[in-house]
Amino acid sequence: MQKKRGVAWLFFIVFCGITSARGPWTRTFYFFNDACEKNDTELIFAKRAEHAFTQLLISWHAHNQTQGYFRFYVEVFDEKTKIWSTYKTYEWGYRRQASFLHKDSHSSAAYVHVRFEGASDRKYYTFRIKIEAVDGASIHDVDYIVVCASDMKRFKPEAYESAVKNIESSYIKNVPRRSQYHENYPESNGWCSPASVAQLIEFYNKVSIDLPTFAHTVYDRGLNVYGSWPFNTAQAALHLPNHLCYVTRLKSIQDLSRLLVNGHPVILSICCSMPLTGAPKAYDQGHLITVIGIEKEKRRIICHDTAEKDVTDMVKYYPMSEFMRAWENRQRLAYVIVPRRQL
């Protein structure tokens, strides 16, 4: 693509090597502005990974813009055709926030608002992420990018009964409770994601968040939802600049346990056609929920469920067998928020 005067491009380049079957099915990469080759218009990041991917999830932190916005692109190299495909994915910044559905003209691959989905008959090892600074936004305000690259063909439900033998019980105290429901906002039935994120911002910052205001800052005008994953973590990062805030897929319940033992609540995506035992309703359209602990011996996951209208009813002890099935229906998707020093 030809460069235009006054337009800066940020290039994140990742070269993914072929993996063996023993390699991880998902892996998360972190790219920081201050660790790149740069000039006045470009930042370039390079990385070799160990596995192919069929899906990409993108997260970022960029400082708040008083003018302009960033336009995101993902480029993926098709090993079969030897063709790069470019997808317009997001616009994010001052008074602009939208994701896009962008289909490939050469295959069934597409960027579906919050993720790249590869074609089932293709292999992908290399991707690039480009960020264009538009209408006065500063490319130097982009702080970091996090990319979760997964081979969804290799995802399998976990034999958690075996895995749980190697984890510790945990319980994180003093995590604020926020219901997603506000009587003056009928759209708040879709606020499970911003309500969960608000709990973690309040937990780390020890300040109260006005939920209606925060919910409207994460609204995705392309998808028409409040639960757009990268917009929720990008807004969290604005409130928590000393933390990494990103969307990823955890490899196992052991990954979840390690985060909890280290004092970090985790927001998980779940989906279930029947209510979990003790839940206010079924989550057949998906739901974001904050996990604050695990009871190993009782095989229970301790959560704050924002779907409860009364915060006194919000702490839930969901049976691990039910919860794991619901989480694995979302292929272990998680919002992770951790201090940078613990990366």
Protein backbone atom coordinates (compact mmCIF):
# COMPACT_ATOMS: atom_id res chain seq x y z
CA MET A 1 0.00 0.00 0.00
CA GLN A 2 1.31 3.40 -0.92
CA LYS A 3 2.18 5.71 1.93
CA LYS A 4 0.37 9.05 2.01
CA ARG A 5 1.73 12.35 3.24
CA GLY A 6 0.68 12.99 6.84
CA VAL A 7 -0.29 9.37 7.47
CA ALA A 8 1.84 7.25 9.79
CA TRP A 9 1.84 3.48 9.72
CA LEU A 10 2.64 1.18 12.60
CA PHE A 11 3.80 -2.23 11.43
CA PHE A 12 3.72 -5.22 13.75
CA ILE A 13 5.29 -8.12 11.85
CA VAL A 14 5.23 -11.66 13.19
CA PHE A 15 6.79 -14.58 11.37
CA CYS A 16 5.32 -17.86 12.59
CA GLY A 17 7.31 -21.03 12.09
CA ILE A 18 5.83 -24.47 11.56
CA THR A 19 5.14 -26.31 14.79
CA SER A 20 5.13 -29.92 15.82
CA ALA A 21 1.95 -31.52 17.12
CA ARG A 22 3.41 -31.24 20.63
CA GLY A 23 3.48 -27.44 20.49
CA PRO A 24 0.83 -25.27 22.17
CA TRP A 25 -2.51 -24.86 20.42
CA THR A 26 -2.61 -21.20 21.48
CA ARG A 27 0.04 -18.63 22.25
CA THR A 28 0.03 -14.96 23.21
CA PHE A 29 2.59 -12.41 21.94
CA TYR A 30 3.36 -8.99 23.43
CA PHE A 31 4.80 -6.13 21.37
CA PHE A 32 5.87 -2.84 22.96
CA ASN A 33 6.43 0.51 21.29
CA ASP A 34 9.80 1.10 22.96
CA ALA A 35 11.29 -2.20 21.77
CA CYS A 36 11.03 -1.68 18.04
CA GLU A 37 12.91 -0.36 15.06
CA LYS A 38 11.41 3.00 14.26
CA ASN A 39 11.53 6.14 12.22
CA ASP A 40 9.17 9.09 11.97
CA THR A 41 6.43 7.08 10.29
CA GLU A 42 6.89 3.42 11.15
CA LEU A 43 7.37 1.04 14.03
CA ILE A 44 8.39 -2.50 13.13
CA PHE A 45 8.11 -5.57 15.37
CA ALA A 46 9.34 -9.04 14.42
CA LYS A 47 8.71 -12.41 16.06
CA ARG A 48 9.04 -16.08 15.24
CA ALA A 49 6.43 -18.33 16.83
CA GLU A 50 6.26 -22.08 17.18
CA HIS A 51 2.88 -22.97 15.72
CA ALA A 52 0.53 -22.30 12.85
CA PHE A 53 -2.74 -20.54 13.53
CA THR A 54 -6.32 -20.51 12.31
CA GLN A 55 -7.48 -17.58 14.45
CA LEU A 56 -6.11 -14.27 15.70
CA LEU A 57 -7.31 -12.03 18.54
CA ILE A 58 -5.93 -8.50 18.74
CA SER A 59 -5.74 -6.22 21.80
CA TRP A 60 -3.99 -2.89 22.33
CA HIS A 61 -3.34 0.08 24.53
CA ALA A 62 -3.09 3.55 23.04
CA HIS A 63 -3.22 6.79 24.98
CA ASN A 64 -6.49 8.68 24.81
CA GLN A 65 -6.80 10.86 21.72
CA THR A 66 -8.23 14.37 21.81
CA GLN A 67 -8.36 14.33 18.04
CA GLY A 68 -8.14 11.72 15.32
CA TYR A 69 -8.28 7.98 15.55
CA PHE A 70 -6.41 4.79 14.69
CA ARG A 71 -7.35 2.49 11.84
CA PHE A 72 -6.29 -1.14 12.28
CA TYR A 73 -5.50 -3.69 9.58
CA VAL A 74 -4.52 -7.34 9.81
CA GLU A 75 -2.63 -8.98 6.96
CA VAL A 76 -2.34 -12.77 6.78
CA PHE A 77 -0.16 -14.80 4.42
CA ASP A 78 -1.87 -17.79 2.78
CA GLU A 79 0.69 -20.61 2.43
CA LYS A 80 -1.37 -22.31 -0.28
CA THR A 81 -1.74 -19.37 -2.65
CA LYS A 82 1.31 -17.38 -1.45
CA ILE A 83 -0.96 -14.33 -1.30
CA TRP A 84 -1.25 -11.71 1.42
CA SER A 85 -4.81 -10.83 2.35
CA THR A 86 -5.54 -7.52 4.06
CA TYR A 87 -8.47 -6.99 6.43
CA LYS A 88 -9.73 -3.69 7.78
CA THR A 89 -10.52 -4.57 11.38
CA TYR A 90 -11.07 -1.57 13.71
CA GLU A 91 -11.33 2.18 13.96
CA TRP A 92 -10.71 3.45 17.47
CA GLY A 93 -10.11 6.89 18.91
CA TYR A 94 -11.74 10.26 19.44
CA ARG A 95 -15.51 9.87 18.95
CA ARG A 96 -14.98 6.83 16.73
CA GLN A 97 -15.17 3.17 17.69
CA ALA A 98 -16.22 0.42 15.30
CA SER A 99 -15.22 -3.10 14.28
CA PHE A 100 -15.68 -4.51 10.80
CA LEU A 101 -16.67 -7.68 9.00
CA HIS A 102 -14.15 -8.03 6.17
CA LYS A 103 -14.23 -11.13 3.96
CA ASP A 104 -11.31 -12.42 1.92
CA SER A 105 -11.76 -12.36 -1.84
CA HIS A 106 -9.60 -15.48 -2.34
CA SER A 107 -11.05 -17.87 0.27
CA SER A 108 -13.60 -18.25 3.05
CA ALA A 109 -11.28 -16.50 5.53
CA ALA A 110 -12.59 -13.33 7.15
CA TYR A 111 -12.05 -10.85 9.93
CA VAL A 112 -15.28 -11.18 11.90
CA HIS A 113 -15.42 -8.01 14.03
CA VAL A 114 -13.36 -9.34 16.96
CA ARG A 115 -11.20 -12.07 15.39
CA PHE A 116 -9.55 -13.35 12.24
CA GLU A 117 -10.96 -16.72 11.14
CA GLY A 118 -8.88 -18.64 8.63
CA ALA A 119 -10.26 -20.79 5.82
CA SER A 120 -10.48 -24.45 6.79
CA ASP A 121 -8.50 -25.60 3.74
CA ARG A 122 -5.61 -23.14 4.22
CA LYS A 123 -2.56 -22.84 6.43
CA TYR A 124 -1.30 -19.63 7.99
CA TYR A 125 2.05 -19.00 9.62
CA THR A 126 2.64 -15.28 9.11
CA PHE A 127 0.65 -12.18 9.92
CA ARG A 128 1.15 -8.44 10.05
CA ILE A 129 -0.81 -5.86 11.99
CA LYS A 130 -0.87 -2.28 10.77
CA ILE A 131 -2.19 0.75 12.57
CA GLU A 132 -2.80 3.96 10.66
CA ALA A 133 -2.94 7.27 12.52
CA VAL A 134 -5.72 9.36 11.02
CA ASP A 135 -6.87 13.00 11.35
CA GLY A 136 -4.24 14.13 13.82
CA ALA A 137 -3.83 11.04 16.00
CA SER A 138 -0.23 10.36 17.02
CA ILE A 139 1.21 6.96 16.15
CA HIS A 140 3.60 7.38 19.07
CA ASP A 141 0.65 7.11 21.44
CA VAL A 142 0.29 3.42 20.65
CA ASP A 143 1.81 1.74 23.71
CA TYR A 144 1.49 -1.98 23.04
CA ILE A 145 -0.22 -4.65 20.98
CA VAL A 146 -1.10 -8.15 22.23
CA VAL A 147 -1.86 -10.92 19.74
CA CYS A 148 -3.35 -14.30 20.62
CA ALA A 149 -2.70 -16.79 17.80
CA SER A 150 -4.56 -20.09 18.08
CA ASP A 151 -4.92 -23.25 16.06
CA MET A 152 -8.59 -23.92 16.74
CA LYS A 153 -8.39 -27.26 14.92
CA ARG A 154 -6.31 -28.50 17.85
CA PHE A 155 -8.51 -27.20 20.64
CA LYS A 156 -9.89 -29.99 22.82
CA PRO A 157 -11.95 -29.94 26.00
CA GLU A 158 -9.72 -30.39 29.01
CA ALA A 159 -9.71 -33.42 31.29
CA TYR A 160 -9.99 -30.96 34.17
CA GLU A 161 -10.36 -33.63 36.88
CA SER A 162 -6.78 -34.62 36.17
CA ALA A 163 -5.53 -31.05 35.75
CA VAL A 164 -7.16 -29.81 38.95
CA LYS A 165 -4.95 -32.11 41.03
CA ASN A 166 -2.05 -29.77 40.27
CA ILE A 167 -3.70 -26.47 41.15
CA GLU A 168 -4.15 -24.57 44.42
CA SER A 169 -7.35 -23.32 45.99
CA SER A 170 -7.65 -19.55 45.83
CA TYR A 171 -9.91 -16.69 46.84
CA ILE A 172 -9.31 -13.02 46.07
CA LYS A 173 -10.83 -10.69 48.65
CA ASN A 174 -12.22 -7.20 48.22
CA VAL A 175 -13.16 -7.43 44.55
CA PRO A 176 -15.98 -4.91 44.03
CA ARG A 177 -19.40 -6.18 42.96
CA ARG A 178 -21.25 -4.47 40.12
CA SER A 179 -24.56 -5.52 38.63
CA GLN A 180 -24.89 -4.91 34.93
CA TYR A 181 -28.50 -3.75 35.30
CA HIS A 182 -29.54 -0.09 35.61
CA GLU A 183 -33.24 0.70 35.57
CA ASN A 184 -32.77 3.89 33.56
CA TYR A 185 -30.80 2.07 30.86
CA PRO A 186 -32.74 -0.72 29.10
CA GLU A 187 -29.63 -1.56 27.09
CA SER A 188 -27.89 -2.59 30.34
CA ASN A 189 -29.01 -6.18 29.77
CA GLY A 190 -25.99 -6.25 27.45
CA TRP A 191 -23.53 -4.75 29.92
CA CYS A 192 -22.03 -7.95 31.36
CA SER A 193 -18.66 -7.20 29.78
CA PRO A 194 -18.25 -3.54 30.85
CA ALA A 195 -19.67 -4.34 34.31
CA SER A 196 -17.09 -7.11 34.74
CA VAL A 197 -14.28 -4.86 33.52
CA ALA A 198 -15.43 -2.05 35.82
CA GLN A 199 -15.06 -4.41 38.78
CA LEU A 200 -11.41 -5.02 37.92
CA ILE A 201 -10.65 -1.34 37.31
CA GLU A 202 -12.12 -0.55 40.73
CA PHE A 203 -10.22 -3.47 42.29
CA TYR A 204 -6.84 -2.24 41.03
CA ASN A 205 -7.42 1.53 41.16
CA LYS A 206 -9.52 1.68 44.35
CA VAL A 207 -11.80 4.27 42.75
CA SER A 208 -15.45 4.04 41.73
CA ILE A 209 -16.41 3.77 38.06
CA ASP A 210 -19.65 5.22 36.71
CA LEU A 211 -20.92 2.16 34.86
CA PRO A 212 -23.27 3.84 32.34
CA THR A 213 -20.49 6.20 31.29
CA PHE A 214 -17.95 3.38 31.04
CA ALA A 215 -20.36 1.11 29.14
CA HIS A 216 -20.88 3.71 26.46
CA THR A 217 -17.11 4.12 26.00
CA VAL A 218 -16.80 0.44 25.00
CA TYR A 219 -19.76 0.40 22.61
CA ASP A 220 -18.90 -1.11 19.21
CA ARG A 221 -20.79 0.73 16.48
CA GLY A 222 -19.85 -1.90 13.92
CA LEU A 223 -21.14 -4.89 15.87
CA ASN A 224 -23.76 -2.87 17.81
CA VAL A 225 -22.85 -4.41 21.16
CA TYR A 226 -21.23 -3.44 24.47
CA GLY A 227 -19.36 -6.73 24.70
CA SER A 228 -16.80 -6.22 21.94
CA TRP A 229 -13.70 -7.85 23.43
CA PRO A 230 -10.87 -5.56 22.28
CA PHE A 231 -12.78 -2.34 22.97
CA ASN A 232 -13.41 -3.44 26.55
CA THR A 233 -9.75 -4.23 27.20
CA ALA A 234 -8.58 -1.07 25.37
CA GLN A 235 -10.75 1.06 27.67
CA ALA A 236 -9.53 -0.88 30.70
CA ALA A 237 -5.97 -0.06 29.67
CA LEU A 238 -6.77 3.66 29.61
CA HIS A 239 -7.74 3.39 33.29
CA LEU A 240 -4.87 1.02 34.14
CA PRO A 241 -1.80 2.25 32.21
CA ASN A 242 0.59 0.29 34.44
CA HIS A 243 -1.19 -2.97 33.63
CA LEU A 244 -1.47 -5.14 30.55
CA CYS A 245 -5.11 -5.54 29.52
CA TYR A 246 -5.81 -8.00 26.73
CA VAL A 247 -7.98 -10.75 25.27
CA THR A 248 -6.54 -14.23 25.05
CA ARG A 249 -7.31 -17.93 25.26
CA LEU A 250 -5.99 -19.80 28.27
CA LYS A 251 -4.44 -23.20 27.67
CA SER A 252 -6.01 -24.84 30.72
CA ILE A 253 -7.56 -24.40 34.14
CA GLN A 254 -3.99 -24.37 35.43
CA ASP A 255 -3.40 -21.04 33.65
CA LEU A 256 -6.53 -19.69 35.31
CA SER A 257 -5.39 -20.96 38.70
CA ARG A 258 -1.96 -19.34 38.42
CA LEU A 259 -3.52 -15.94 37.74
CA LEU A 260 -5.87 -16.29 40.71
CA VAL A 261 -3.16 -17.50 43.09
CA ASN A 262 -1.13 -14.42 42.14
CA GLY A 263 -4.05 -12.19 43.11
CA HIS A 264 -5.50 -11.39 39.67
CA PRO A 265 -9.23 -11.88 39.03
CA VAL A 266 -9.96 -13.05 35.49
CA ILE A 267 -12.94 -12.31 33.25
CA LEU A 268 -14.06 -15.37 31.32
CA SER A 269 -16.51 -15.83 28.47
CA ILE A 270 -19.05 -18.61 28.99
CA CYS A 271 -22.00 -20.00 27.05
CA CYS A 272 -24.57 -22.58 28.16
CA SER A 273 -28.08 -23.49 27.04
CA MET A 274 -29.14 -24.47 30.57
CA PRO A 275 -28.52 -22.33 33.69
CA LEU A 276 -25.51 -23.15 35.81
CA THR A 277 -26.57 -24.35 39.26
CA GLY A 278 -27.42 -21.17 41.16
CA ALA A 279 -27.29 -18.85 38.13
CA PRO A 280 -30.13 -16.37 37.52
CA LYS A 281 -30.61 -17.57 33.94
CA ALA A 282 -29.10 -19.52 31.04
CA TYR A 283 -26.37 -17.87 29.00
CA ASP A 284 -27.18 -19.29 25.59
CA GLN A 285 -26.04 -16.07 23.85
CA GLY A 286 -22.84 -15.88 25.85
CA HIS A 287 -21.88 -14.05 29.04
CA LEU A 288 -18.81 -12.44 30.61
CA ILE A 289 -18.18 -13.32 34.24
CA THR A 290 -15.47 -12.42 36.79
CA VAL A 291 -13.70 -15.35 38.45
CA ILE A 292 -12.24 -14.58 41.89
CA GLY A 293 -11.27 -18.03 43.13
CA ILE A 294 -11.31 -21.84 42.94
CA GLU A 295 -12.31 -24.30 45.64
CA LYS A 296 -10.19 -27.30 44.75
CA GLU A 297 -11.65 -29.84 47.17
CA LYS A 298 -15.28 -28.90 46.55
CA ARG A 299 -14.68 -28.55 42.80
CA ARG A 300 -16.27 -25.11 42.59
CA ILE A 301 -15.46 -21.91 40.69
CA ILE A 302 -16.06 -18.71 42.68
CA CYS A 303 -17.44 -15.86 40.57
CA HIS A 304 -19.02 -12.45 40.60
CA ASP A 305 -21.97 -12.81 38.23
CA THR A 306 -23.14 -9.40 36.99
CA ALA A 307 -26.43 -10.92 35.77
CA GLU A 308 -27.73 -10.69 39.35
CA LYS A 309 -29.59 -7.43 39.96
CA ASP A 310 -28.85 -7.48 43.69
CA VAL A 311 -25.12 -7.32 44.44
CA THR A 312 -25.68 -9.30 47.66
CA ASP A 313 -26.56 -12.29 45.47
CA MET A 314 -23.67 -11.83 43.08
CA VAL A 315 -21.04 -14.16 44.59
CA LYS A 316 -21.57 -17.57 43.02
CA TYR A 317 -20.01 -20.97 43.68
CA TYR A 318 -20.58 -22.71 40.37
CA PRO A 319 -19.88 -26.47 40.07
CA MET A 320 -16.62 -26.90 38.24
CA SER A 321 -18.01 -29.56 35.88
CA GLU A 322 -20.78 -27.23 34.68
CA PHE A 323 -18.61 -24.12 34.56
CA MET A 324 -15.82 -25.78 32.59
CA ARG A 325 -18.27 -26.96 29.91
CA ALA A 326 -19.68 -23.43 29.63
CA TRP A 327 -16.19 -21.89 29.40
CA GLU A 328 -14.99 -24.43 26.87
CA ASN A 329 -18.00 -23.62 24.71
CA ARG A 330 -16.11 -20.32 24.27
CA GLN A 331 -12.74 -22.09 23.79
CA ARG A 332 -11.40 -20.68 27.11
CA LEU A 333 -11.59 -17.03 26.10
CA ALA A 334 -10.44 -14.63 28.82
CA TYR A 335 -9.80 -10.97 29.56
CA VAL A 336 -6.51 -10.83 31.45
CA ILE A 337 -5.43 -7.76 33.43
CA VAL A 338 -2.04 -7.99 35.16
CA PRO A 339 0.67 -5.54 36.26
CA ARG A 340 3.36 -5.19 33.62
CA ARG A 341 6.06 -6.23 36.07
CA GLN A 342 4.44 -9.68 36.32
CA LEU A 343 4.54 -10.40 32.58
